[in-house]
Amino acid sequence: MPHATLSRRKFTLATAAASLALPSFAQGTWPTKPIRIIVPYTPGGFTDQMARLVQIGLQTKLGQPVLVDNKPGANSLIGVDAIAKAAPDGSTFGVVIAAYAANTTLYPKLPYDPRKDLTGVSLMGVSPLLAAVNIDAPFKTARQLIDYARANPGKVSFGSSGNGSAAHLTTELWKSLTQTYMIHIPYRGAVPALTDLMGGQIQLFFDAPTGLINQAKAGKVRLIGVAGDKRLAAAPEVPTFIEQGFAGFTGSTWAGMVAPAATPRDIVKRMSEELARIIRSDETRAKLDAMGTIPAGSTPEEFDAFITAETAKWGKVIRTAGVKAE
């Protein structure tokens, strides 16, 4: 009997020790405080829209307030650095876009190491870029634009939301594929670029579909192609560039959630699963369709692999085109 009592006591102590060793999430206590989602851009843009799209759903599923914290500046470096250096306790996450992958090549020195300081949580959505031209431009299709640009080197200027942005790099890729020479005019954001497109100061602008579709419907710009594998539900009349004979040409912006690298994996996994449920819901899918964004919802491992592939793709474009940071 004493031996049995001693064995039970050892079992009880071992169980207690194991219980104490388990992370808090395993005991069902995460999250215990509000969650902050850092957005490295100003309010109202694509990144901010994607963060706010899942904000309420996450609050409901996780039982804690979810706050969106905009930290713009330095082509997203300020905000991403804040994510990387946040306490890895599951209270801070961030939403990044395609520039996050491009910046690895664009900047010789980053204030953070994207491979060591950050980890992917989930790819949220992919938004193939639309190309728009000025309504009075002497070309109305992608093929006509190429013919005009070849016949008039340097006469076509294209805008972007900044050096190294998805809009800039996608146009550089298209220039390379079509062997054309067009002048890049960088802007501090998509809104001033679109304004100058409508005013005729530039002739071409690749951008996320949201703003361009509305301006096209109002007759202020002309859409000439989708840089994706298939047409967009929000603009079914606009053909892809692949359909128009530009084989293999794709370019997109995308949004995904990242976390400080040392965040416990069980927390990262839980956040990824909740994001996927929200993104794949009928309500959210309808909103994403209207934005011209293809819903995703990936595992952390899938998103890390996606970032690696995007970094390689756009790194090659940056080096080939000689793109320099502003």
C-alpha atoms as a PDB file:
ATOM      1  CA  MET A   1       0.000   0.000   0.000  1.00  0.00           C
ATOM      2  CA  PRO A   2       2.715   2.553   0.837  1.00  0.00           C
ATOM      3  CA  HIS A   3       4.287   1.767  -2.537  1.00  0.00           C
ATOM      4  CA  ALA A   4       0.956   2.363  -4.323  1.00  0.00           C
ATOM      5  CA  THR A   5       0.459   5.641  -2.424  1.00  0.00           C
ATOM      6  CA  LEU A   6       3.960   6.780  -3.400  1.00  0.00           C
ATOM      7  CA  SER A   7       3.330   5.899  -7.058  1.00  0.00           C
ATOM      8  CA  ARG A   8       0.089   7.852  -7.075  1.00  0.00           C
ATOM      9  CA  ARG A   9       1.880  10.809  -5.500  1.00  0.00           C
ATOM     10  CA  LYS A  10       4.619  10.703  -8.172  1.00  0.00           C
ATOM     11  CA  PHE A  11       1.953  10.528 -10.898  1.00  0.00           C
ATOM     12  CA  THR A  12       0.106  13.512  -9.421  1.00  0.00           C
ATOM     13  CA  LEU A  13       3.306  15.583  -9.170  1.00  0.00           C
ATOM     14  CA  ALA A  14       4.347  14.647 -12.726  1.00  0.00           C
ATOM     15  CA  THR A  15       0.913  15.602 -14.061  1.00  0.00           C
ATOM     16  CA  ALA A  16       1.030  18.928 -12.234  1.00  0.00           C
ATOM     17  CA  ALA A  17       4.518  19.664 -13.560  1.00  0.00           C
ATOM     18  CA  ALA A  18       3.450  18.840 -17.108  1.00  0.00           C
ATOM     19  CA  SER A  19       0.424  21.089 -16.722  1.00  0.00           C
ATOM     20  CA  LEU A  20       2.609  24.001 -15.617  1.00  0.00           C
ATOM     21  CA  ALA A  21       4.947  23.421 -18.553  1.00  0.00           C
ATOM     22  CA  LEU A  22       2.152  23.719 -21.142  1.00  0.00           C
ATOM     23  CA  PRO A  23       1.840  27.104 -22.927  1.00  0.00           C
ATOM     24  CA  SER A  24      -1.074  29.258 -21.836  1.00  0.00           C
ATOM     25  CA  PHE A  25      -2.921  28.733 -25.126  1.00  0.00           C
ATOM     26  CA  ALA A  26      -3.003  24.954 -24.550  1.00  0.00           C
ATOM     27  CA  GLN A  27      -5.016  25.659 -21.417  1.00  0.00           C
ATOM     28  CA  GLY A  28      -7.439  27.787 -23.379  1.00  0.00           C
ATOM     29  CA  THR A  29      -6.358  31.161 -21.975  1.00  0.00           C
ATOM     30  CA  TRP A  30      -5.071  32.892 -25.115  1.00  0.00           C
ATOM     31  CA  PRO A  31      -5.746  35.661 -25.775  1.00  0.00           C
ATOM     32  CA  THR A  32      -5.831  37.307 -22.352  1.00  0.00           C
ATOM     33  CA  LYS A  33      -5.601  40.898 -23.588  1.00  0.00           C
ATOM     34  CA  PRO A  34      -6.467  43.027 -26.621  1.00  0.00           C
ATOM     35  CA  ILE A  35      -4.781  42.145 -29.910  1.00  0.00           C
ATOM     36  CA  ARG A  36      -3.073  44.772 -32.033  1.00  0.00           C
ATOM     37  CA  ILE A  37      -2.786  44.491 -35.817  1.00  0.00           C
ATOM     38  CA  ILE A  38      -0.106  46.842 -37.145  1.00  0.00           C
ATOM     39  CA  VAL A  39      -0.701  48.189 -40.661  1.00  0.00           C
ATOM     40  CA  PRO A  40       2.468  49.772 -42.147  1.00  0.00           C
ATOM     41  CA  TYR A  41       0.431  52.159 -44.305  1.00  0.00           C
ATOM     42  CA  THR A  42      -2.048  55.009 -43.938  1.00  0.00           C
ATOM     43  CA  PRO A  43      -5.760  54.349 -43.330  1.00  0.00           C
ATOM     44  CA  GLY A  44      -7.973  53.696 -46.353  1.00  0.00           C
ATOM     45  CA  GLY A  45      -5.563  51.832 -48.612  1.00  0.00           C
ATOM     46  CA  PHE A  46      -5.610  48.170 -49.639  1.00  0.00           C
ATOM     47  CA  THR A  47      -3.567  46.964 -46.642  1.00  0.00           C
ATOM     48  CA  ASP A  48      -5.749  48.861 -44.183  1.00  0.00           C
ATOM     49  CA  GLN A  49      -8.930  47.608 -45.865  1.00  0.00           C
ATOM     50  CA  MET A  50      -7.768  43.997 -45.554  1.00  0.00           C
ATOM     51  CA  ALA A  51      -6.931  44.388 -41.859  1.00  0.00           C
ATOM     52  CA  ARG A  52     -10.295  45.962 -41.080  1.00  0.00           C
ATOM     53  CA  LEU A  53     -12.096  43.322 -43.132  1.00  0.00           C
ATOM     54  CA  VAL A  54     -11.141  40.647 -40.567  1.00  0.00           C
ATOM     55  CA  GLN A  55     -11.078  42.877 -37.480  1.00  0.00           C
ATOM     56  CA  ILE A  56     -14.652  42.307 -36.270  1.00  0.00           C
ATOM     57  CA  GLY A  57     -14.613  38.600 -37.070  1.00  0.00           C
ATOM     58  CA  LEU A  58     -11.447  38.097 -35.046  1.00  0.00           C
ATOM     59  CA  GLN A  59     -12.922  39.988 -32.112  1.00  0.00           C
ATOM     60  CA  THR A  60     -15.934  37.679 -32.144  1.00  0.00           C
ATOM     61  CA  LYS A  61     -13.923  34.467 -32.470  1.00  0.00           C
ATOM     62  CA  LEU A  62     -11.136  35.351 -30.029  1.00  0.00           C
ATOM     63  CA  GLY A  63     -13.199  37.163 -27.406  1.00  0.00           C
ATOM     64  CA  GLN A  64     -10.867  40.156 -27.133  1.00  0.00           C
ATOM     65  CA  PRO A  65     -10.798  43.630 -28.707  1.00  0.00           C
ATOM     66  CA  VAL A  66      -8.794  43.736 -31.952  1.00  0.00           C
ATOM     67  CA  LEU A  67      -7.227  47.112 -32.693  1.00  0.00           C
ATOM     68  CA  VAL A  68      -5.833  48.281 -36.043  1.00  0.00           C
ATOM     69  CA  ASP A  69      -2.711  50.415 -35.533  1.00  0.00           C
ATOM     70  CA  ASN A  70      -1.545  52.347 -38.621  1.00  0.00           C
ATOM     71  CA  LYS A  71       2.223  52.977 -38.657  1.00  0.00           C
ATOM     72  CA  PRO A  72       3.057  54.332 -42.138  1.00  0.00           C
ATOM     73  CA  GLY A  73       6.385  55.564 -43.436  1.00  0.00           C
ATOM     74  CA  ALA A  74       9.588  54.590 -45.272  1.00  0.00           C
ATOM     75  CA  ASN A  75       7.814  52.311 -47.766  1.00  0.00           C
ATOM     76  CA  SER A  76       6.382  50.244 -44.881  1.00  0.00           C
ATOM     77  CA  LEU A  77       9.725  49.728 -43.086  1.00  0.00           C
ATOM     78  CA  ILE A  78       8.646  51.623 -39.952  1.00  0.00           C
ATOM     79  CA  GLY A  79       5.521  49.535 -39.430  1.00  0.00           C
ATOM     80  CA  VAL A  80       7.149  46.195 -40.272  1.00  0.00           C
ATOM     81  CA  ASP A  81      10.023  46.964 -37.903  1.00  0.00           C
ATOM     82  CA  ALA A  82       7.454  47.600 -35.152  1.00  0.00           C
ATOM     83  CA  ILE A  83       5.901  44.175 -35.822  1.00  0.00           C
ATOM     84  CA  ALA A  84       9.302  42.478 -35.777  1.00  0.00           C
ATOM     85  CA  LYS A  85      10.307  44.073 -32.469  1.00  0.00           C
ATOM     86  CA  ALA A  86       6.969  43.608 -30.667  1.00  0.00           C
ATOM     87  CA  ALA A  87       6.711  41.231 -27.720  1.00  0.00           C
ATOM     88  CA  PRO A  88       6.141  37.722 -29.142  1.00  0.00           C
ATOM     89  CA  ASP A  89       3.288  36.967 -26.768  1.00  0.00           C
ATOM     90  CA  GLY A  90       0.444  36.698 -29.262  1.00  0.00           C
ATOM     91  CA  SER A  91      -0.800  40.233 -28.694  1.00  0.00           C
ATOM     92  CA  THR A  92       0.756  41.810 -31.823  1.00  0.00           C
ATOM     93  CA  PHE A  93       0.390  40.840 -35.461  1.00  0.00           C
ATOM     94  CA  GLY A  94       0.718  42.778 -38.700  1.00  0.00           C
ATOM     95  CA  VAL A  95      -0.676  42.878 -42.225  1.00  0.00           C
ATOM     96  CA  VAL A  96       1.822  43.242 -45.078  1.00  0.00           C
ATOM     97  CA  ILE A  97       1.565  43.361 -48.868  1.00  0.00           C
ATOM     98  CA  ALA A  98       3.749  42.616 -51.897  1.00  0.00           C
ATOM     99  CA  ALA A  99       6.194  45.427 -51.064  1.00  0.00           C
ATOM    100  CA  TYR A 100       7.207  43.386 -48.002  1.00  0.00           C
ATOM    101  CA  ALA A 101       8.777  40.774 -50.309  1.00  0.00           C
ATOM    102  CA  ALA A 102      10.257  43.373 -52.682  1.00  0.00           C
ATOM    103  CA  ASN A 103      11.897  45.361 -49.881  1.00  0.00           C
ATOM    104  CA  THR A 104      14.223  42.453 -49.097  1.00  0.00           C
ATOM    105  CA  THR A 105      16.037  43.176 -52.388  1.00  0.00           C
ATOM    106  CA  LEU A 106      15.234  46.883 -52.710  1.00  0.00           C
ATOM    107  CA  TYR A 107      16.980  47.888 -49.477  1.00  0.00           C
ATOM    108  CA  PRO A 108      20.584  46.741 -48.861  1.00  0.00           C
ATOM    109  CA  LYS A 109      20.060  47.138 -45.109  1.00  0.00           C
ATOM    110  CA  LEU A 110      16.738  46.586 -43.372  1.00  0.00           C
ATOM    111  CA  PRO A 111      16.102  47.392 -39.692  1.00  0.00           C
ATOM    112  CA  TYR A 112      14.786  43.830 -39.316  1.00  0.00           C
ATOM    113  CA  ASP A 113      15.614  40.410 -40.765  1.00  0.00           C
ATOM    114  CA  PRO A 114      12.490  39.105 -42.547  1.00  0.00           C
ATOM    115  CA  ARG A 115      13.683  35.497 -42.225  1.00  0.00           C
ATOM    116  CA  LYS A 116      14.719  35.605 -38.557  1.00  0.00           C
ATOM    117  CA  ASP A 117      12.497  38.271 -36.989  1.00  0.00           C
ATOM    118  CA  LEU A 118       9.120  37.555 -38.599  1.00  0.00           C
ATOM    119  CA  THR A 119       6.978  34.544 -39.410  1.00  0.00           C
ATOM    120  CA  GLY A 120       4.028  34.114 -41.724  1.00  0.00           C
ATOM    121  CA  VAL A 121       0.575  33.520 -40.271  1.00  0.00           C
ATOM    122  CA  SER A 122      -1.694  33.393 -43.335  1.00  0.00           C
ATOM    123  CA  LEU A 123      -2.020  34.668 -46.868  1.00  0.00           C
ATOM    124  CA  MET A 124      -5.332  36.546 -46.755  1.00  0.00           C
ATOM    125  CA  GLY A 125      -5.997  37.499 -50.358  1.00  0.00           C
ATOM    126  CA  VAL A 126      -4.388  38.079 -53.741  1.00  0.00           C
ATOM    127  CA  SER A 127      -5.365  41.049 -55.882  1.00  0.00           C
ATOM    128  CA  PRO A 128      -4.227  40.850 -59.529  1.00  0.00           C
ATOM    129  CA  LEU A 129      -3.383  44.315 -60.780  1.00  0.00           C
ATOM    130  CA  LEU A 130      -5.449  46.079 -63.399  1.00  0.00           C
ATOM    131  CA  ALA A 131      -3.889  48.283 -66.052  1.00  0.00           C
ATOM    132  CA  ALA A 132      -5.634  51.554 -66.839  1.00  0.00           C
ATOM    133  CA  VAL A 133      -4.855  54.157 -69.467  1.00  0.00           C
ATOM    134  CA  ASN A 134      -5.920  57.754 -69.884  1.00  0.00           C
ATOM    135  CA  ILE A 135      -9.317  57.932 -71.566  1.00  0.00           C
ATOM    136  CA  ASP A 136      -7.957  60.247 -74.316  1.00  0.00           C
ATOM    137  CA  ALA A 137      -4.725  58.321 -74.951  1.00  0.00           C
ATOM    138  CA  PRO A 138      -4.026  57.321 -78.597  1.00  0.00           C
ATOM    139  CA  PHE A 139      -4.405  53.646 -77.728  1.00  0.00           C
ATOM    140  CA  LYS A 140      -7.377  51.703 -76.452  1.00  0.00           C
ATOM    141  CA  THR A 141      -5.998  48.176 -76.003  1.00  0.00           C
ATOM    142  CA  ALA A 142      -2.872  46.581 -74.565  1.00  0.00           C
ATOM    143  CA  ARG A 143      -1.635  45.665 -78.051  1.00  0.00           C
ATOM    144  CA  GLN A 144      -2.177  49.203 -79.335  1.00  0.00           C
ATOM    145  CA  LEU A 145      -0.286  50.567 -76.337  1.00  0.00           C
ATOM    146  CA  ILE A 146       2.697  48.319 -77.059  1.00  0.00           C
ATOM    147  CA  ASP A 147       2.704  49.280 -80.746  1.00  0.00           C
ATOM    148  CA  TYR A 148       2.579  52.975 -79.823  1.00  0.00           C
ATOM    149  CA  ALA A 149       5.325  52.663 -77.193  1.00  0.00           C
ATOM    150  CA  ARG A 150       7.621  50.867 -79.645  1.00  0.00           C
ATOM    151  CA  ALA A 151       7.006  53.496 -82.312  1.00  0.00           C
ATOM    152  CA  ASN A 152       7.446  56.353 -79.797  1.00  0.00           C
ATOM    153  CA  PRO A 153      10.153  55.364 -77.264  1.00  0.00           C
ATOM    154  CA  GLY A 154       9.897  57.410 -74.072  1.00  0.00           C
ATOM    155  CA  LYS A 155       6.617  59.112 -75.015  1.00  0.00           C
ATOM    156  CA  VAL A 156       4.523  56.906 -72.718  1.00  0.00           C
ATOM    157  CA  SER A 157       4.895  57.584 -69.013  1.00  0.00           C
ATOM    158  CA  PHE A 158       3.520  55.321 -66.315  1.00  0.00           C
ATOM    159  CA  GLY A 159       2.787  56.063 -62.693  1.00  0.00           C
ATOM    160  CA  SER A 160       3.191  54.014 -59.547  1.00  0.00           C
ATOM    161  CA  SER A 161       2.549  54.376 -55.845  1.00  0.00           C
ATOM    162  CA  GLY A 162       6.321  54.514 -55.272  1.00  0.00           C
ATOM    163  CA  ASN A 163       9.630  52.920 -56.238  1.00  0.00           C
ATOM    164  CA  GLY A 164       9.512  49.185 -55.611  1.00  0.00           C
ATOM    165  CA  SER A 165       5.722  49.084 -55.247  1.00  0.00           C
ATOM    166  CA  ALA A 166       3.746  46.258 -56.847  1.00  0.00           C
ATOM    167  CA  ALA A 167       2.513  48.727 -59.478  1.00  0.00           C
ATOM    168  CA  HIS A 168       6.052  49.799 -60.335  1.00  0.00           C
ATOM    169  CA  LEU A 169       7.573  46.311 -60.490  1.00  0.00           C
ATOM    170  CA  THR A 170       4.664  44.844 -62.464  1.00  0.00           C
ATOM    171  CA  THR A 171       5.052  47.561 -65.100  1.00  0.00           C
ATOM    172  CA  GLU A 172       8.813  47.005 -65.215  1.00  0.00           C
ATOM    173  CA  LEU A 173       8.167  43.305 -65.784  1.00  0.00           C
ATOM    174  CA  TRP A 174       5.738  44.122 -68.594  1.00  0.00           C
ATOM    175  CA  LYS A 175       8.260  46.515 -70.186  1.00  0.00           C
ATOM    176  CA  SER A 176      10.860  43.748 -70.126  1.00  0.00           C
ATOM    177  CA  LEU A 177       8.504  41.181 -71.659  1.00  0.00           C
ATOM    178  CA  THR A 178       7.327  43.552 -74.398  1.00  0.00           C
ATOM    179  CA  GLN A 179      10.704  45.194 -75.019  1.00  0.00           C
ATOM    180  CA  THR A 180       9.364  48.724 -74.688  1.00  0.00           C
ATOM    181  CA  TYR A 181      10.775  51.906 -73.179  1.00  0.00           C
ATOM    182  CA  MET A 182       8.389  53.892 -70.970  1.00  0.00           C
ATOM    183  CA  ILE A 183       9.162  56.550 -68.369  1.00  0.00           C
ATOM    184  CA  HIS A 184       8.445  55.809 -64.698  1.00  0.00           C
ATOM    185  CA  ILE A 185       6.856  58.577 -62.606  1.00  0.00           C
ATOM    186  CA  PRO A 186       6.762  57.539 -58.909  1.00  0.00           C
ATOM    187  CA  TYR A 187       4.131  59.055 -56.623  1.00  0.00           C
ATOM    188  CA  ARG A 188       3.636  58.975 -52.877  1.00  0.00           C
ATOM    189  CA  GLY A 189       0.635  56.704 -53.001  1.00  0.00           C
ATOM    190  CA  ALA A 190      -1.940  55.488 -55.497  1.00  0.00           C
ATOM    191  CA  VAL A 191      -4.363  58.423 -55.215  1.00  0.00           C
ATOM    192  CA  PRO A 192      -2.084  61.110 -56.728  1.00  0.00           C
ATOM    193  CA  ALA A 193      -0.992  58.681 -59.464  1.00  0.00           C
ATOM    194  CA  LEU A 194      -4.607  57.977 -60.387  1.00  0.00           C
ATOM    195  CA  THR A 195      -5.393  61.706 -60.324  1.00  0.00           C
ATOM    196  CA  ASP A 196      -2.625  62.399 -62.826  1.00  0.00           C
ATOM    197  CA  LEU A 197      -3.722  59.462 -64.991  1.00  0.00           C
ATOM    198  CA  MET A 198      -7.189  60.972 -65.243  1.00  0.00           C
ATOM    199  CA  GLY A 199      -5.654  64.383 -65.933  1.00  0.00           C
ATOM    200  CA  GLY A 200      -3.420  63.092 -68.720  1.00  0.00           C
ATOM    201  CA  GLN A 201      -0.074  63.798 -67.023  1.00  0.00           C
ATOM    202  CA  ILE A 202       0.688  60.052 -67.266  1.00  0.00           C
ATOM    203  CA  GLN A 203      -0.749  57.540 -69.718  1.00  0.00           C
ATOM    204  CA  LEU A 204      -0.574  54.202 -67.897  1.00  0.00           C
ATOM    205  CA  PHE A 205      -1.117  52.991 -64.333  1.00  0.00           C
ATOM    206  CA  PHE A 206      -1.189  49.481 -62.906  1.00  0.00           C
ATOM    207  CA  ASP A 207      -2.923  49.253 -59.532  1.00  0.00           C
ATOM    208  CA  ALA A 208      -5.127  47.156 -57.257  1.00  0.00           C
ATOM    209  CA  PRO A 209      -8.624  46.885 -58.763  1.00  0.00           C
ATOM    210  CA  THR A 210     -10.655  48.736 -56.111  1.00  0.00           C
ATOM    211  CA  GLY A 211     -10.097  52.347 -57.181  1.00  0.00           C
ATOM    212  CA  LEU A 212      -9.585  51.694 -60.882  1.00  0.00           C
ATOM    213  CA  ILE A 213     -12.853  49.799 -61.357  1.00  0.00           C
ATOM    214  CA  ASN A 214     -14.889  52.662 -59.891  1.00  0.00           C
ATOM    215  CA  GLN A 215     -13.159  55.269 -62.071  1.00  0.00           C
ATOM    216  CA  ALA A 216     -13.598  53.096 -65.168  1.00  0.00           C
ATOM    217  CA  LYS A 217     -17.324  52.765 -64.482  1.00  0.00           C
ATOM    218  CA  ALA A 218     -17.480  56.554 -64.227  1.00  0.00           C
ATOM    219  CA  GLY A 219     -15.796  56.819 -67.642  1.00  0.00           C
ATOM    220  CA  LYS A 220     -12.668  58.529 -66.280  1.00  0.00           C
ATOM    221  CA  VAL A 221     -10.103  55.821 -67.204  1.00  0.00           C
ATOM    222  CA  ARG A 222     -10.002  52.896 -69.620  1.00  0.00           C
ATOM    223  CA  LEU A 223      -9.134  49.392 -68.363  1.00  0.00           C
ATOM    224  CA  ILE A 224      -6.971  47.414 -70.813  1.00  0.00           C
ATOM    225  CA  GLY A 225      -6.024  44.237 -68.963  1.00  0.00           C
ATOM    226  CA  VAL A 226      -5.828  42.096 -65.841  1.00  0.00           C
ATOM    227  CA  ALA A 227      -2.393  40.896 -64.746  1.00  0.00           C
ATOM    228  CA  GLY A 228      -3.765  37.599 -63.480  1.00  0.00           C
ATOM    229  CA  ASP A 229      -4.539  34.049 -64.562  1.00  0.00           C
ATOM    230  CA  LYS A 230      -8.245  34.731 -64.978  1.00  0.00           C
ATOM    231  CA  ARG A 231     -10.708  37.596 -65.259  1.00  0.00           C
ATOM    232  CA  LEU A 232     -11.964  39.343 -62.151  1.00  0.00           C
ATOM    233  CA  ALA A 233     -15.514  38.862 -60.906  1.00  0.00           C
ATOM    234  CA  ALA A 234     -15.670  42.612 -60.258  1.00  0.00           C
ATOM    235  CA  ALA A 235     -14.682  43.439 -63.867  1.00  0.00           C
ATOM    236  CA  PRO A 236     -15.590  40.427 -66.033  1.00  0.00           C
ATOM    237  CA  GLU A 237     -15.434  42.438 -69.252  1.00  0.00           C
ATOM    238  CA  VAL A 238     -11.689  43.131 -68.878  1.00  0.00           C
ATOM    239  CA  PRO A 239      -9.512  40.425 -70.481  1.00  0.00           C
ATOM    240  CA  THR A 240      -6.311  39.123 -68.909  1.00  0.00           C
ATOM    241  CA  PHE A 241      -3.002  39.988 -70.537  1.00  0.00           C
ATOM    242  CA  ILE A 242      -2.479  36.270 -71.090  1.00  0.00           C
ATOM    243  CA  GLU A 243      -5.685  36.174 -73.183  1.00  0.00           C
ATOM    244  CA  GLN A 244      -4.299  39.062 -75.226  1.00  0.00           C
ATOM    245  CA  GLY A 245      -1.142  37.196 -76.150  1.00  0.00           C
ATOM    246  CA  PHE A 246       1.227  38.193 -73.342  1.00  0.00           C
ATOM    247  CA  ALA A 247       2.010  34.657 -72.187  1.00  0.00           C
ATOM    248  CA  GLY A 248       2.920  34.167 -68.541  1.00  0.00           C
ATOM    249  CA  PHE A 249       2.525  37.818 -67.560  1.00  0.00           C
ATOM    250  CA  THR A 250       1.077  38.182 -64.061  1.00  0.00           C
ATOM    251  CA  GLY A 251       1.516  40.743 -61.325  1.00  0.00           C
ATOM    252  CA  SER A 252      -0.417  41.288 -58.158  1.00  0.00           C
ATOM    253  CA  THR A 253      -0.485  42.802 -54.792  1.00  0.00           C
ATOM    254  CA  TRP A 254      -1.531  40.638 -51.903  1.00  0.00           C
ATOM    255  CA  ALA A 255      -2.199  40.889 -48.191  1.00  0.00           C
ATOM    256  CA  GLY A 256      -1.103  38.514 -45.487  1.00  0.00           C
ATOM    257  CA  MET A 257      -0.657  38.414 -41.750  1.00  0.00           C
ATOM    258  CA  VAL A 258       2.738  38.082 -40.079  1.00  0.00           C
ATOM    259  CA  ALA A 259       3.860  37.881 -36.454  1.00  0.00           C
ATOM    260  CA  PRO A 260       7.065  38.284 -34.459  1.00  0.00           C
ATOM    261  CA  ALA A 261       9.120  35.145 -35.118  1.00  0.00           C
ATOM    262  CA  ALA A 262       9.202  33.937 -31.515  1.00  0.00           C
ATOM    263  CA  THR A 263       5.400  33.945 -31.157  1.00  0.00           C
ATOM    264  CA  PRO A 264       4.398  30.448 -29.905  1.00  0.00           C
ATOM    265  CA  ARG A 265       3.496  28.196 -32.845  1.00  0.00           C
ATOM    266  CA  ASP A 266       0.202  27.125 -31.311  1.00  0.00           C
ATOM    267  CA  ILE A 267      -0.893  30.761 -31.202  1.00  0.00           C
ATOM    268  CA  VAL A 268       0.249  31.351 -34.791  1.00  0.00           C
ATOM    269  CA  LYS A 269      -1.627  28.243 -35.892  1.00  0.00           C
ATOM    270  CA  ARG A 270      -4.825  29.260 -34.065  1.00  0.00           C
ATOM    271  CA  MET A 271      -4.729  32.759 -35.563  1.00  0.00           C
ATOM    272  CA  SER A 272      -4.164  31.257 -39.023  1.00  0.00           C
ATOM    273  CA  GLU A 273      -7.156  28.943 -38.631  1.00  0.00           C
ATOM    274  CA  GLU A 274      -9.451  31.742 -37.445  1.00  0.00           C
ATOM    275  CA  LEU A 275      -8.368  33.989 -40.330  1.00  0.00           C
ATOM    276  CA  ALA A 276      -9.087  31.220 -42.833  1.00  0.00           C
ATOM    277  CA  ARG A 277     -12.595  30.723 -41.427  1.00  0.00           C
ATOM    278  CA  ILE A 278     -13.354  34.433 -41.684  1.00  0.00           C
ATOM    279  CA  ILE A 279     -11.859  34.863 -45.168  1.00  0.00           C
ATOM    280  CA  ARG A 280     -13.676  31.843 -46.563  1.00  0.00           C
ATOM    281  CA  SER A 281     -17.058  32.870 -45.145  1.00  0.00           C
ATOM    282  CA  ASP A 282     -19.697  33.844 -47.701  1.00  0.00           C
ATOM    283  CA  GLU A 283     -19.909  37.392 -46.318  1.00  0.00           C
ATOM    284  CA  THR A 284     -16.170  38.088 -46.545  1.00  0.00           C
ATOM    285  CA  ARG A 285     -15.792  36.389 -49.932  1.00  0.00           C
ATOM    286  CA  ALA A 286     -18.500  38.663 -51.349  1.00  0.00           C
ATOM    287  CA  LYS A 287     -16.643  41.745 -50.067  1.00  0.00           C
ATOM    288  CA  LEU A 288     -13.344  40.500 -51.485  1.00  0.00           C
ATOM    289  CA  ASP A 289     -14.951  39.766 -54.860  1.00  0.00           C
ATOM    290  CA  ALA A 290     -16.202  43.357 -54.986  1.00  0.00           C
ATOM    291  CA  MET A 291     -12.631  44.538 -54.289  1.00  0.00           C
ATOM    292  CA  GLY A 292     -11.225  42.379 -57.093  1.00  0.00           C
ATOM    293  CA  THR A 293      -9.379  40.277 -54.538  1.00  0.00           C
ATOM    294  CA  ILE A 294      -9.168  36.479 -54.598  1.00  0.00           C
ATOM    295  CA  PRO A 295      -9.735  35.007 -51.113  1.00  0.00           C
ATOM    296  CA  ALA A 296      -6.931  32.833 -49.744  1.00  0.00           C
ATOM    297  CA  GLY A 297      -6.566  31.641 -46.142  1.00  0.00           C
ATOM    298  CA  SER A 298      -3.356  29.597 -45.966  1.00  0.00           C
ATOM    299  CA  THR A 299      -1.355  27.778 -43.319  1.00  0.00           C
ATOM    300  CA  PRO A 300       1.684  29.556 -41.831  1.00  0.00           C
ATOM    301  CA  GLU A 301       4.002  27.212 -43.736  1.00  0.00           C
ATOM    302  CA  GLU A 302       2.226  27.895 -47.045  1.00  0.00           C
ATOM    303  CA  PHE A 303       2.466  31.645 -46.516  1.00  0.00           C
ATOM    304  CA  ASP A 304       6.187  31.469 -45.673  1.00  0.00           C
ATOM    305  CA  ALA A 305       6.751  29.531 -48.919  1.00  0.00           C
ATOM    306  CA  PHE A 306       4.677  32.096 -50.835  1.00  0.00           C
ATOM    307  CA  ILE A 307       6.782  34.973 -49.439  1.00  0.00           C
ATOM    308  CA  THR A 308       9.979  33.166 -50.432  1.00  0.00           C
ATOM    309  CA  ALA A 309       8.717  32.748 -54.010  1.00  0.00           C
ATOM    310  CA  GLU A 310       7.570  36.387 -54.227  1.00  0.00           C
ATOM    311  CA  THR A 311      10.919  37.612 -52.876  1.00  0.00           C
ATOM    312  CA  ALA A 312      12.746  35.678 -55.597  1.00  0.00           C
ATOM    313  CA  LYS A 313      10.377  36.811 -58.388  1.00  0.00           C
ATOM    314  CA  TRP A 314      10.480  40.520 -57.609  1.00  0.00           C
ATOM    315  CA  GLY A 315      14.146  40.443 -56.629  1.00  0.00           C
ATOM    316  CA  LYS A 316      14.953  39.398 -60.185  1.00  0.00           C
ATOM    317  CA  VAL A 317      12.810  42.214 -61.615  1.00  0.00           C
ATOM    318  CA  ILE A 318      14.463  44.782 -59.324  1.00  0.00           C
ATOM    319  CA  ARG A 319      17.966  43.709 -60.327  1.00  0.00           C
ATOM    320  CA  THR A 320      17.162  43.476 -64.047  1.00  0.00           C
ATOM    321  CA  ALA A 321      15.476  46.911 -64.158  1.00  0.00           C
ATOM    322  CA  GLY A 322      18.025  48.524 -61.831  1.00  0.00           C
ATOM    323  CA  VAL A 323      15.286  49.748 -59.460  1.00  0.00           C
ATOM    324  CA  LYS A 324      16.632  51.801 -56.544  1.00  0.00           C
ATOM    325  CA  ALA A 325      14.923  52.720 -53.279  1.00  0.00           C
ATOM    326  CA  GLU A 326      13.764  56.313 -52.950  1.00  0.00           C
END
